[in-house]
Amino acid sequence: MYTRAGPTRIGLRPPHAVFRGAPGMLRALVERAESGGIDRLCVGDHVSFHGGTGNDGLVEATALAVLSERTTISTAVFQLPLRHPVPVARQVATLAGLAPGRFEFGVGIGGEDRAEARMCGVDPATRGTRMDESLEIVGRLLAGEEVSFSGAHFQLDGAVLRPVPRPAVPILVGGRATAALDRVARLGDGWSAVWVSPRRFAEATEYIAATAAALGRRPPEWRHGLQVWCGFGADEGAAAARLAAVMEDLYRLPFDTFARYCPTGRPEVVAEALAAYPRAGCRDINLIAVAGTWEEAVDGAVRVRELLRADGGHRPTTRSGDPGGPAVLSR
């Protein structure tokens, strides 16, 4: 059985504009987040999403690793099937050396824009099998193994990378479909959830633990977490409108598709909406926060952290009739 260990940890994904802003802006954000107690700074990753939008997750994670002193850095999530796993493993190992014990490698297969995969020379229909092969290769290389591999997509003969990252880099797997949960159980150290209810989170983590145990895998600590879009602002309507504009521009879908999973308003309102997740066993919540300024986004996340850690919480009885999330974004 999966149970939450320790207090809720709150992460923040810095707004993309901060990475492209005036010199010193990203450093100021990191300093403000660390002084406020934020536990994790996260980055997304896209090569060319819906007409060209993108950012390289490992490059942005490296910038955060260099600027920070204590905060965990996480890719949430990196589109691993769009790259070759050996150079990615080298990048991860190098990044881990800049922030020993502070980097988590979260990966996903994407899926909302199939043209992005084709642009990278990848058949979208093969992303699942490419992910399986890539996860095995990256995991074994980062563990220090000499890897010979013959798969549908990759052929390796005695591949090896040195030095080996110490401590080991946790690998978190994103996605909502059963195939993604099976991937966590077989090859991951934790699940990076998105667009799921508290009930679905609790059920999925129990499924992962049971599946892993059946395979003889019993990690000493599962690192399951949740990615949450939210909007901060004193006026809840204005905060929701601002968040809707950002998400509709990015995903090219109506905000109604996401709204029930995206709390908006003052930090107290957002924290209240999220309180059921720690009680369902979610130890890590990463906020993708939209606000009037980046300072407001950081301060809102800091306040949510204070409120959720004060709340504590107990694992609730599973509720029936609670949908798991928008099927259009299943991965």
C-alpha atoms as a PDB file:
ATOM      1  CA  MET A   1       0.000   0.000   0.000  1.00  0.00           C
ATOM      2  CA  TYR A   2       1.248   3.493  -0.846  1.00  0.00           C
ATOM      3  CA  THR A   3       1.164   5.999   2.001  1.00  0.00           C
ATOM      4  CA  ARG A   4       2.354   9.578   2.154  1.00  0.00           C
ATOM      5  CA  ALA A   5       5.515  10.146   4.165  1.00  0.00           C
ATOM      6  CA  GLY A   6       6.273  13.526   5.688  1.00  0.00           C
ATOM      7  CA  PRO A   7       4.739  16.972   5.103  1.00  0.00           C
ATOM      8  CA  THR A   8       3.414  18.197   1.779  1.00  0.00           C
ATOM      9  CA  ARG A   9       6.095  19.699  -0.435  1.00  0.00           C
ATOM     10  CA  ILE A  10       5.180  22.499  -2.817  1.00  0.00           C
ATOM     11  CA  GLY A  11       6.936  23.223  -6.077  1.00  0.00           C
ATOM     12  CA  LEU A  12       6.574  26.052  -8.570  1.00  0.00           C
ATOM     13  CA  ARG A  13       7.112  26.180 -12.296  1.00  0.00           C
ATOM     14  CA  PRO A  14       8.593  29.602 -13.070  1.00  0.00           C
ATOM     15  CA  PRO A  15       6.725  31.454 -15.823  1.00  0.00           C
ATOM     16  CA  HIS A  16       8.437  31.015 -19.183  1.00  0.00           C
ATOM     17  CA  ALA A  17       8.682  34.800 -19.554  1.00  0.00           C
ATOM     18  CA  VAL A  18      11.109  34.922 -16.619  1.00  0.00           C
ATOM     19  CA  PHE A  19      13.625  32.785 -18.528  1.00  0.00           C
ATOM     20  CA  ARG A  20      13.460  35.292 -21.370  1.00  0.00           C
ATOM     21  CA  GLY A  21      13.246  38.405 -19.214  1.00  0.00           C
ATOM     22  CA  ALA A  22      15.700  41.060 -18.160  1.00  0.00           C
ATOM     23  CA  PRO A  23      19.073  39.990 -16.780  1.00  0.00           C
ATOM     24  CA  GLY A  24      18.747  39.088 -13.145  1.00  0.00           C
ATOM     25  CA  MET A  25      15.021  38.318 -13.262  1.00  0.00           C
ATOM     26  CA  LEU A  26      15.448  34.542 -13.069  1.00  0.00           C
ATOM     27  CA  ARG A  27      17.977  34.880 -10.244  1.00  0.00           C
ATOM     28  CA  ALA A  28      15.548  37.135  -8.359  1.00  0.00           C
ATOM     29  CA  LEU A  29      12.761  34.567  -8.754  1.00  0.00           C
ATOM     30  CA  VAL A  30      14.955  31.743  -7.465  1.00  0.00           C
ATOM     31  CA  GLU A  31      16.051  33.803  -4.459  1.00  0.00           C
ATOM     32  CA  ARG A  32      12.455  34.781  -3.648  1.00  0.00           C
ATOM     33  CA  ALA A  33      11.259  31.179  -3.963  1.00  0.00           C
ATOM     34  CA  GLU A  34      14.054  29.785  -1.797  1.00  0.00           C
ATOM     35  CA  SER A  35      13.662  32.441   0.886  1.00  0.00           C
ATOM     36  CA  GLY A  36       9.938  31.643   0.981  1.00  0.00           C
ATOM     37  CA  GLY A  37      10.571  27.940   1.504  1.00  0.00           C
ATOM     38  CA  ILE A  38       9.482  26.609  -1.909  1.00  0.00           C
ATOM     39  CA  ASP A  39      10.634  22.993  -2.047  1.00  0.00           C
ATOM     40  CA  ARG A  40      10.979  22.478  -5.788  1.00  0.00           C
ATOM     41  CA  LEU A  41      11.384  24.462  -9.002  1.00  0.00           C
ATOM     42  CA  CYS A  42      10.046  22.716 -12.093  1.00  0.00           C
ATOM     43  CA  VAL A  43      10.282  23.173 -15.827  1.00  0.00           C
ATOM     44  CA  GLY A  44       8.265  21.844 -18.727  1.00  0.00           C
ATOM     45  CA  ASP A  45       9.622  20.831 -22.121  1.00  0.00           C
ATOM     46  CA  HIS A  46       8.484  21.152 -25.727  1.00  0.00           C
ATOM     47  CA  VAL A  47      10.376  21.234 -28.996  1.00  0.00           C
ATOM     48  CA  SER A  48       7.661  22.848 -31.116  1.00  0.00           C
ATOM     49  CA  PHE A  49       4.202  22.769 -29.578  1.00  0.00           C
ATOM     50  CA  HIS A  50       1.096  23.884 -31.509  1.00  0.00           C
ATOM     51  CA  GLY A  51       2.820  26.048 -34.083  1.00  0.00           C
ATOM     52  CA  GLY A  52       6.245  26.556 -32.563  1.00  0.00           C
ATOM     53  CA  THR A  53       5.944  27.197 -28.827  1.00  0.00           C
ATOM     54  CA  GLY A  54       8.703  25.509 -26.865  1.00  0.00           C
ATOM     55  CA  ASN A  55      11.502  25.448 -24.333  1.00  0.00           C
ATOM     56  CA  ASP A  56      14.260  22.955 -23.657  1.00  0.00           C
ATOM     57  CA  GLY A  57      13.560  21.465 -20.256  1.00  0.00           C
ATOM     58  CA  LEU A  58      17.100  20.333 -19.510  1.00  0.00           C
ATOM     59  CA  VAL A  59      18.585  23.711 -20.448  1.00  0.00           C
ATOM     60  CA  GLU A  60      16.118  25.535 -18.187  1.00  0.00           C
ATOM     61  CA  ALA A  61      16.666  22.992 -15.401  1.00  0.00           C
ATOM     62  CA  THR A  62      20.420  23.599 -15.644  1.00  0.00           C
ATOM     63  CA  ALA A  63      19.900  27.343 -15.232  1.00  0.00           C
ATOM     64  CA  LEU A  64      17.811  26.752 -12.117  1.00  0.00           C
ATOM     65  CA  ALA A  65      20.333  24.265 -10.721  1.00  0.00           C
ATOM     66  CA  VAL A  66      23.155  26.798 -11.032  1.00  0.00           C
ATOM     67  CA  LEU A  67      21.178  29.669  -9.521  1.00  0.00           C
ATOM     68  CA  SER A  68      19.661  27.743  -6.598  1.00  0.00           C
ATOM     69  CA  GLU A  69      21.288  26.506  -3.423  1.00  0.00           C
ATOM     70  CA  ARG A  70      18.854  24.123  -1.711  1.00  0.00           C
ATOM     71  CA  THR A  71      15.748  23.730  -3.889  1.00  0.00           C
ATOM     72  CA  THR A  72      15.069  20.488  -5.745  1.00  0.00           C
ATOM     73  CA  ILE A  73      14.989  20.945  -9.530  1.00  0.00           C
ATOM     74  CA  SER A  74      12.652  18.818 -11.620  1.00  0.00           C
ATOM     75  CA  THR A  75      11.665  18.378 -15.245  1.00  0.00           C
ATOM     76  CA  ALA A  76       7.896  18.046 -15.236  1.00  0.00           C
ATOM     77  CA  VAL A  77       7.974  16.660 -17.779  1.00  0.00           C
ATOM     78  CA  PHE A  78      10.712  16.159 -20.394  1.00  0.00           C
ATOM     79  CA  GLN A  79       9.579  14.696 -23.728  1.00  0.00           C
ATOM     80  CA  LEU A  80      11.989  11.749 -23.698  1.00  0.00           C
ATOM     81  CA  PRO A  81      10.667   9.842 -26.761  1.00  0.00           C
ATOM     82  CA  LEU A  82      11.597  12.786 -28.990  1.00  0.00           C
ATOM     83  CA  ARG A  83      15.317  12.334 -28.237  1.00  0.00           C
ATOM     84  CA  HIS A  84      17.959   9.618 -28.293  1.00  0.00           C
ATOM     85  CA  PRO A  85      18.352   8.192 -24.763  1.00  0.00           C
ATOM     86  CA  VAL A  86      22.171   8.039 -24.629  1.00  0.00           C
ATOM     87  CA  PRO A  87      22.903  11.780 -25.062  1.00  0.00           C
ATOM     88  CA  VAL A  88      19.943  12.505 -22.790  1.00  0.00           C
ATOM     89  CA  ALA A  89      21.482  10.284 -20.103  1.00  0.00           C
ATOM     90  CA  ARG A  90      24.735  12.212 -20.470  1.00  0.00           C
ATOM     91  CA  GLN A  91      22.888  15.532 -20.101  1.00  0.00           C
ATOM     92  CA  VAL A  92      21.092  14.274 -16.989  1.00  0.00           C
ATOM     93  CA  ALA A  93      24.321  13.004 -15.442  1.00  0.00           C
ATOM     94  CA  THR A  94      26.045  16.326 -16.118  1.00  0.00           C
ATOM     95  CA  LEU A  95      23.151  18.318 -14.689  1.00  0.00           C
ATOM     96  CA  ALA A  96      23.068  16.100 -11.599  1.00  0.00           C
ATOM     97  CA  GLY A  97      26.712  16.977 -10.990  1.00  0.00           C
ATOM     98  CA  LEU A  98      25.773  20.655 -10.776  1.00  0.00           C
ATOM     99  CA  ALA A  99      23.168  19.972  -8.091  1.00  0.00           C
ATOM    100  CA  PRO A 100      24.011  16.664  -6.372  1.00  0.00           C
ATOM    101  CA  GLY A 101      20.935  15.120  -4.797  1.00  0.00           C
ATOM    102  CA  ARG A 102      18.732  17.995  -5.993  1.00  0.00           C
ATOM    103  CA  PHE A 103      17.635  16.911  -9.473  1.00  0.00           C
ATOM    104  CA  GLU A 104      14.628  14.771 -10.401  1.00  0.00           C
ATOM    105  CA  PHE A 105      14.182  13.644 -13.989  1.00  0.00           C
ATOM    106  CA  GLY A 106      10.490  13.663 -14.866  1.00  0.00           C
ATOM    107  CA  VAL A 107       9.610  12.307 -18.304  1.00  0.00           C
ATOM    108  CA  GLY A 108       6.481  12.027 -20.446  1.00  0.00           C
ATOM    109  CA  ILE A 109       5.416  11.048 -23.942  1.00  0.00           C
ATOM    110  CA  GLY A 110       3.492  14.241 -24.739  1.00  0.00           C
ATOM    111  CA  GLY A 111       0.568  13.639 -27.002  1.00  0.00           C
ATOM    112  CA  GLU A 112      -1.492  16.801 -27.303  1.00  0.00           C
ATOM    113  CA  ASP A 113       0.283  17.818 -30.547  1.00  0.00           C
ATOM    114  CA  ARG A 114       1.251  14.843 -32.691  1.00  0.00           C
ATOM    115  CA  ALA A 115       2.912  17.145 -35.232  1.00  0.00           C
ATOM    116  CA  GLU A 116       5.620  17.863 -32.647  1.00  0.00           C
ATOM    117  CA  ALA A 117       6.710  14.218 -32.706  1.00  0.00           C
ATOM    118  CA  ARG A 118       6.681  14.056 -36.495  1.00  0.00           C
ATOM    119  CA  MET A 119       8.805  17.229 -36.628  1.00  0.00           C
ATOM    120  CA  CYS A 120      11.423  15.365 -34.582  1.00  0.00           C
ATOM    121  CA  GLY A 121      11.369  12.404 -36.965  1.00  0.00           C
ATOM    122  CA  VAL A 122       9.303  10.259 -34.595  1.00  0.00           C
ATOM    123  CA  ASP A 123       6.153   8.401 -35.586  1.00  0.00           C
ATOM    124  CA  PRO A 124       3.601   9.493 -32.944  1.00  0.00           C
ATOM    125  CA  ALA A 125       2.263   5.943 -32.800  1.00  0.00           C
ATOM    126  CA  THR A 126       5.628   4.674 -31.530  1.00  0.00           C
ATOM    127  CA  ARG A 127       6.026   7.085 -28.604  1.00  0.00           C
ATOM    128  CA  GLY A 128       4.988   4.488 -26.042  1.00  0.00           C
ATOM    129  CA  THR A 129       7.480   1.839 -27.141  1.00  0.00           C
ATOM    130  CA  ARG A 130      10.206   4.458 -27.570  1.00  0.00           C
ATOM    131  CA  MET A 131       9.527   5.628 -24.026  1.00  0.00           C
ATOM    132  CA  ASP A 132       9.799   2.078 -22.661  1.00  0.00           C
ATOM    133  CA  GLU A 133      13.119   1.474 -24.398  1.00  0.00           C
ATOM    134  CA  SER A 134      14.466   4.915 -23.512  1.00  0.00           C
ATOM    135  CA  LEU A 135      13.540   4.597 -19.842  1.00  0.00           C
ATOM    136  CA  GLU A 136      15.316   1.277 -19.572  1.00  0.00           C
ATOM    137  CA  ILE A 137      18.432   2.595 -21.313  1.00  0.00           C
ATOM    138  CA  VAL A 138      18.613   5.874 -19.369  1.00  0.00           C
ATOM    139  CA  GLY A 139      17.982   4.123 -16.056  1.00  0.00           C
ATOM    140  CA  ARG A 140      20.660   1.525 -16.622  1.00  0.00           C
ATOM    141  CA  LEU A 141      23.237   4.063 -17.833  1.00  0.00           C
ATOM    142  CA  LEU A 142      22.616   6.353 -14.851  1.00  0.00           C
ATOM    143  CA  ALA A 143      23.005   3.332 -12.559  1.00  0.00           C
ATOM    144  CA  GLY A 144      26.503   2.758 -13.962  1.00  0.00           C
ATOM    145  CA  GLU A 145      25.775  -0.307 -16.092  1.00  0.00           C
ATOM    146  CA  GLU A 146      27.435  -1.135 -19.374  1.00  0.00           C
ATOM    147  CA  VAL A 147      24.422  -1.363 -21.644  1.00  0.00           C
ATOM    148  CA  SER A 148      23.993  -3.593 -24.646  1.00  0.00           C
ATOM    149  CA  PHE A 149      20.482  -3.323 -26.012  1.00  0.00           C
ATOM    150  CA  SER A 150      18.536  -4.498 -29.053  1.00  0.00           C
ATOM    151  CA  GLY A 151      15.067  -3.041 -29.411  1.00  0.00           C
ATOM    152  CA  ALA A 152      12.638  -1.828 -32.026  1.00  0.00           C
ATOM    153  CA  HIS A 153      14.091   1.689 -31.913  1.00  0.00           C
ATOM    154  CA  PHE A 154      17.555   1.585 -30.343  1.00  0.00           C
ATOM    155  CA  GLN A 155      20.593  -0.654 -30.752  1.00  0.00           C
ATOM    156  CA  LEU A 156      23.473  -0.348 -28.284  1.00  0.00           C
ATOM    157  CA  ASP A 157      26.666  -2.330 -27.870  1.00  0.00           C
ATOM    158  CA  GLY A 158      28.493  -1.748 -24.603  1.00  0.00           C
ATOM    159  CA  ALA A 159      27.318   1.828 -23.978  1.00  0.00           C
ATOM    160  CA  VAL A 160      28.647   3.280 -20.735  1.00  0.00           C
ATOM    161  CA  LEU A 161      28.716   6.702 -19.043  1.00  0.00           C
ATOM    162  CA  ARG A 162      31.084   7.899 -16.335  1.00  0.00           C
ATOM    163  CA  PRO A 163      31.002   9.360 -13.765  1.00  0.00           C
ATOM    164  CA  VAL A 164      27.830   7.851 -12.312  1.00  0.00           C
ATOM    165  CA  PRO A 165      25.591  10.400 -10.558  1.00  0.00           C
ATOM    166  CA  ARG A 166      25.655  10.092  -6.785  1.00  0.00           C
ATOM    167  CA  PRO A 167      23.174  10.241  -5.195  1.00  0.00           C
ATOM    168  CA  ALA A 168      21.128   8.514  -7.874  1.00  0.00           C
ATOM    169  CA  VAL A 169      18.779  10.643  -9.980  1.00  0.00           C
ATOM    170  CA  PRO A 170      15.112   9.714  -9.367  1.00  0.00           C
ATOM    171  CA  ILE A 171      13.129   9.105 -12.559  1.00  0.00           C
ATOM    172  CA  LEU A 172       9.485  10.169 -12.474  1.00  0.00           C
ATOM    173  CA  VAL A 173       7.035   9.104 -15.180  1.00  0.00           C
ATOM    174  CA  GLY A 174       4.115  11.243 -16.325  1.00  0.00           C
ATOM    175  CA  GLY A 175       0.844  10.236 -17.902  1.00  0.00           C
ATOM    176  CA  ARG A 176      -2.699   9.259 -17.006  1.00  0.00           C
ATOM    177  CA  ALA A 177      -3.305   6.063 -18.961  1.00  0.00           C
ATOM    178  CA  THR A 178      -2.804   2.577 -17.512  1.00  0.00           C
ATOM    179  CA  ALA A 179       0.246   2.147 -19.741  1.00  0.00           C
ATOM    180  CA  ALA A 180       1.870   5.112 -17.982  1.00  0.00           C
ATOM    181  CA  LEU A 181       1.133   3.646 -14.542  1.00  0.00           C
ATOM    182  CA  ASP A 182       2.606   0.316 -15.638  1.00  0.00           C
ATOM    183  CA  ARG A 183       5.696   2.213 -16.783  1.00  0.00           C
ATOM    184  CA  VAL A 184       6.090   3.738 -13.327  1.00  0.00           C
ATOM    185  CA  ALA A 185       5.757   0.317 -11.713  1.00  0.00           C
ATOM    186  CA  ARG A 186       8.341  -1.281 -14.028  1.00  0.00           C
ATOM    187  CA  LEU A 187      10.864   1.458 -14.602  1.00  0.00           C
ATOM    188  CA  GLY A 188      10.220   4.555 -12.496  1.00  0.00           C
ATOM    189  CA  ASP A 189      10.758   5.919  -9.020  1.00  0.00           C
ATOM    190  CA  GLY A 190       7.481   7.822  -8.968  1.00  0.00           C
ATOM    191  CA  TRP A 191       4.463   9.119 -10.863  1.00  0.00           C
ATOM    192  CA  SER A 192       4.079  12.675 -12.166  1.00  0.00           C
ATOM    193  CA  ALA A 193       0.283  13.043 -12.300  1.00  0.00           C
ATOM    194  CA  VAL A 194      -1.789  15.691 -14.051  1.00  0.00           C
ATOM    195  CA  TRP A 195      -5.527  16.256 -14.564  1.00  0.00           C
ATOM    196  CA  VAL A 196      -6.579  13.712 -11.930  1.00  0.00           C
ATOM    197  CA  SER A 197      -8.964  13.844  -8.984  1.00  0.00           C
ATOM    198  CA  PRO A 198      -7.850  12.944  -5.453  1.00  0.00           C
ATOM    199  CA  ARG A 199      -9.715   9.662  -5.797  1.00  0.00           C
ATOM    200  CA  ARG A 200      -7.925   8.834  -9.037  1.00  0.00           C
ATOM    201  CA  PHE A 201      -4.563   9.770  -7.482  1.00  0.00           C
ATOM    202  CA  ALA A 202      -5.117   7.409  -4.547  1.00  0.00           C
ATOM    203  CA  GLU A 203      -6.293   4.556  -6.776  1.00  0.00           C
ATOM    204  CA  ALA A 204      -3.456   5.002  -9.265  1.00  0.00           C
ATOM    205  CA  THR A 205      -0.725   5.020  -6.633  1.00  0.00           C
ATOM    206  CA  GLU A 206      -2.173   1.885  -5.047  1.00  0.00           C
ATOM    207  CA  TYR A 207      -2.174   0.287  -8.502  1.00  0.00           C
ATOM    208  CA  ILE A 208       1.467   1.250  -9.061  1.00  0.00           C
ATOM    209  CA  ALA A 209       2.541  -0.206  -5.715  1.00  0.00           C
ATOM    210  CA  ALA A 210       0.670  -3.469  -6.296  1.00  0.00           C
ATOM    211  CA  THR A 211       1.967  -3.851  -9.848  1.00  0.00           C
ATOM    212  CA  ALA A 212       5.544  -3.128  -8.807  1.00  0.00           C
ATOM    213  CA  ALA A 213       5.324  -5.602  -5.926  1.00  0.00           C
ATOM    214  CA  ALA A 214       4.059  -8.287  -8.298  1.00  0.00           C
ATOM    215  CA  LEU A 215       7.166  -7.653 -10.403  1.00  0.00           C
ATOM    216  CA  GLY A 216       9.416  -7.870  -7.349  1.00  0.00           C
ATOM    217  CA  ARG A 217      10.070  -4.115  -7.238  1.00  0.00           C
ATOM    218  CA  ARG A 218       9.785  -2.400  -3.862  1.00  0.00           C
ATOM    219  CA  PRO A 219      11.501   1.004  -3.982  1.00  0.00           C
ATOM    220  CA  PRO A 220      12.381   2.290  -0.516  1.00  0.00           C
ATOM    221  CA  GLU A 221      10.405   5.462  -1.271  1.00  0.00           C
ATOM    222  CA  TRP A 222       7.914   6.239  -4.040  1.00  0.00           C
ATOM    223  CA  ARG A 223       8.092   9.850  -5.257  1.00  0.00           C
ATOM    224  CA  HIS A 224       4.540  10.422  -6.482  1.00  0.00           C
ATOM    225  CA  GLY A 225       3.478  13.996  -7.222  1.00  0.00           C
ATOM    226  CA  LEU A 226       0.940  16.181  -8.986  1.00  0.00           C
ATOM    227  CA  GLN A 227       1.201  19.019 -11.500  1.00  0.00           C
ATOM    228  CA  VAL A 228      -1.527  21.648 -11.039  1.00  0.00           C
ATOM    229  CA  TRP A 229      -2.332  24.711 -13.114  1.00  0.00           C
ATOM    230  CA  CYS A 230      -3.715  27.501 -10.920  1.00  0.00           C
ATOM    231  CA  GLY A 231      -4.433  31.207 -11.082  1.00  0.00           C
ATOM    232  CA  PHE A 232      -3.633  33.651  -8.284  1.00  0.00           C
ATOM    233  CA  GLY A 233      -5.449  36.936  -7.746  1.00  0.00           C
ATOM    234  CA  ALA A 234      -7.637  38.779  -5.253  1.00  0.00           C
ATOM    235  CA  ASP A 235     -10.498  38.717  -7.768  1.00  0.00           C
ATOM    236  CA  GLU A 236     -11.340  35.085  -8.529  1.00  0.00           C
ATOM    237  CA  GLY A 237     -13.071  35.922 -11.808  1.00  0.00           C
ATOM    238  CA  ALA A 238     -10.130  37.928 -13.093  1.00  0.00           C
ATOM    239  CA  ALA A 239      -7.691  35.206 -11.987  1.00  0.00           C
ATOM    240  CA  ALA A 240      -9.729  32.563 -13.809  1.00  0.00           C
ATOM    241  CA  ALA A 241      -9.901  34.676 -16.968  1.00  0.00           C
ATOM    242  CA  ARG A 242      -6.135  35.221 -16.934  1.00  0.00           C
ATOM    243  CA  LEU A 243      -5.493  31.492 -16.446  1.00  0.00           C
ATOM    244  CA  ALA A 244      -8.021  30.560 -19.144  1.00  0.00           C
ATOM    245  CA  ALA A 245      -6.338  32.829 -21.678  1.00  0.00           C
ATOM    246  CA  VAL A 246      -2.924  31.270 -21.046  1.00  0.00           C
ATOM    247  CA  MET A 247      -4.140  27.671 -21.147  1.00  0.00           C
ATOM    248  CA  GLU A 248      -6.381  28.086 -24.195  1.00  0.00           C
ATOM    249  CA  ASP A 249      -3.524  29.713 -26.097  1.00  0.00           C
ATOM    250  CA  LEU A 250      -1.188  26.849 -25.166  1.00  0.00           C
ATOM    251  CA  TYR A 251      -3.467  23.822 -25.533  1.00  0.00           C
ATOM    252  CA  ARG A 252      -5.895  25.149 -28.187  1.00  0.00           C
ATOM    253  CA  LEU A 253      -8.789  23.730 -26.149  1.00  0.00           C
ATOM    254  CA  PRO A 254     -11.610  25.435 -24.185  1.00  0.00           C
ATOM    255  CA  PHE A 255     -10.759  26.196 -20.567  1.00  0.00           C
ATOM    256  CA  ASP A 256     -13.839  24.215 -19.532  1.00  0.00           C
ATOM    257  CA  THR A 257     -11.803  21.107 -20.417  1.00  0.00           C
ATOM    258  CA  PHE A 258      -9.523  21.824 -17.480  1.00  0.00           C
ATOM    259  CA  ALA A 259     -11.428  24.133 -15.150  1.00  0.00           C
ATOM    260  CA  ARG A 260     -12.367  21.684 -12.376  1.00  0.00           C
ATOM    261  CA  TYR A 261      -8.682  20.800 -11.885  1.00  0.00           C
ATOM    262  CA  CYS A 262      -7.419  24.402 -11.958  1.00  0.00           C
ATOM    263  CA  PRO A 263      -8.206  26.393  -8.791  1.00  0.00           C
ATOM    264  CA  THR A 264      -8.187  30.174  -9.011  1.00  0.00           C
ATOM    265  CA  GLY A 265      -8.324  33.084  -6.596  1.00  0.00           C
ATOM    266  CA  ARG A 266      -6.526  33.965  -3.395  1.00  0.00           C
ATOM    267  CA  PRO A 267      -3.932  31.465  -2.106  1.00  0.00           C
ATOM    268  CA  GLU A 268      -6.371  30.428   0.621  1.00  0.00           C
ATOM    269  CA  VAL A 269      -8.914  29.406  -2.039  1.00  0.00           C
ATOM    270  CA  VAL A 270      -6.296  27.504  -4.027  1.00  0.00           C
ATOM    271  CA  ALA A 271      -5.013  25.712  -0.918  1.00  0.00           C
ATOM    272  CA  GLU A 272      -8.518  24.705   0.080  1.00  0.00           C
ATOM    273  CA  ALA A 273      -9.132  23.249  -3.382  1.00  0.00           C
ATOM    274  CA  LEU A 274      -5.906  21.234  -3.167  1.00  0.00           C
ATOM    275  CA  ALA A 275      -6.242  20.030   0.428  1.00  0.00           C
ATOM    276  CA  ALA A 276      -7.794  16.688  -0.553  1.00  0.00           C
ATOM    277  CA  TYR A 277      -4.665  15.633  -2.472  1.00  0.00           C
ATOM    278  CA  PRO A 278      -2.291  15.376   0.514  1.00  0.00           C
ATOM    279  CA  ARG A 279      -5.045  13.466   2.279  1.00  0.00           C
ATOM    280  CA  ALA A 280      -5.084  11.093  -0.703  1.00  0.00           C
ATOM    281  CA  GLY A 281      -1.356  10.438  -0.282  1.00  0.00           C
ATOM    282  CA  CYS A 282       0.098  13.122  -2.570  1.00  0.00           C
ATOM    283  CA  ARG A 283       3.339  14.325  -1.004  1.00  0.00           C
ATOM    284  CA  ASP A 284       4.484  16.646  -3.824  1.00  0.00           C
ATOM    285  CA  ILE A 285       2.345  19.297  -5.549  1.00  0.00           C
ATOM    286  CA  ASN A 286       3.925  21.409  -8.257  1.00  0.00           C
ATOM    287  CA  LEU A 287       2.052  24.600  -9.104  1.00  0.00           C
ATOM    288  CA  ILE A 288       1.991  25.972 -12.632  1.00  0.00           C
ATOM    289  CA  ALA A 289       0.890  29.371 -11.424  1.00  0.00           C
ATOM    290  CA  VAL A 290      -0.481  32.207 -13.544  1.00  0.00           C
ATOM    291  CA  ALA A 291      -0.692  35.628 -11.879  1.00  0.00           C
ATOM    292  CA  GLY A 292      -0.419  39.314 -12.628  1.00  0.00           C
ATOM    293  CA  THR A 293       3.334  39.259 -11.946  1.00  0.00           C
ATOM    294  CA  TRP A 294       5.920  36.593 -11.309  1.00  0.00           C
ATOM    295  CA  GLU A 295       6.314  37.939  -7.773  1.00  0.00           C
ATOM    296  CA  GLU A 296       2.609  37.306  -7.143  1.00  0.00           C
ATOM    297  CA  ALA A 297       2.990  33.768  -8.503  1.00  0.00           C
ATOM    298  CA  VAL A 298       5.897  33.021  -6.145  1.00  0.00           C
ATOM    299  CA  ASP A 299       4.213  34.578  -3.110  1.00  0.00           C
ATOM    300  CA  GLY A 300       0.986  32.705  -3.852  1.00  0.00           C
ATOM    301  CA  ALA A 301       2.840  29.404  -3.983  1.00  0.00           C
ATOM    302  CA  VAL A 302       4.640  30.205  -0.728  1.00  0.00           C
ATOM    303  CA  ARG A 303       1.313  30.897   0.986  1.00  0.00           C
ATOM    304  CA  VAL A 304      -0.255  27.695  -0.396  1.00  0.00           C
ATOM    305  CA  ARG A 305       2.704  25.770   1.022  1.00  0.00           C
ATOM    306  CA  GLU A 306       2.216  27.317   4.451  1.00  0.00           C
ATOM    307  CA  LEU A 307      -1.484  26.473   4.468  1.00  0.00           C
ATOM    308  CA  LEU A 308      -1.168  22.888   3.241  1.00  0.00           C
ATOM    309  CA  ARG A 309       1.670  22.073   5.620  1.00  0.00           C
ATOM    310  CA  ALA A 310      -0.347  23.494   8.505  1.00  0.00           C
ATOM    311  CA  ASP A 311      -3.384  21.451   7.446  1.00  0.00           C
ATOM    312  CA  GLY A 312      -1.570  18.093   7.591  1.00  0.00           C
ATOM    313  CA  GLY A 313      -4.391  15.737   6.737  1.00  0.00           C
ATOM    314  CA  HIS A 314      -5.292  12.092   6.806  1.00  0.00           C
ATOM    315  CA  ARG A 315      -5.910   9.657   4.011  1.00  0.00           C
ATOM    316  CA  PRO A 316      -9.642   9.848   3.175  1.00  0.00           C
ATOM    317  CA  THR A 317     -12.063   7.134   2.272  1.00  0.00           C
ATOM    318  CA  THR A 318     -12.171   6.733  -1.508  1.00  0.00           C
ATOM    319  CA  ARG A 319     -15.196   8.433  -2.993  1.00  0.00           C
ATOM    320  CA  SER A 320     -17.261   6.950  -5.786  1.00  0.00           C
ATOM    321  CA  GLY A 321     -18.533   8.713  -8.864  1.00  0.00           C
ATOM    322  CA  ASP A 322     -15.560  11.085  -9.103  1.00  0.00           C
ATOM    323  CA  PRO A 323     -14.177  11.194 -12.661  1.00  0.00           C
ATOM    324  CA  GLY A 324     -10.463  10.812 -13.104  1.00  0.00           C
ATOM    325  CA  GLY A 325      -9.791  13.751 -15.426  1.00  0.00           C
ATOM    326  CA  PRO A 326     -10.325  15.027 -18.975  1.00  0.00           C
ATOM    327  CA  ALA A 327     -10.065  12.065 -21.348  1.00  0.00           C
ATOM    328  CA  VAL A 328      -8.843  14.349 -24.130  1.00  0.00           C
ATOM    329  CA  LEU A 329      -5.505  14.670 -22.334  1.00  0.00           C
ATOM    330  CA  SER A 330      -4.972  11.014 -21.423  1.00  0.00           C
ATOM    331  CA  ARG A 331      -1.362   9.993 -21.964  1.00  0.00           C
END
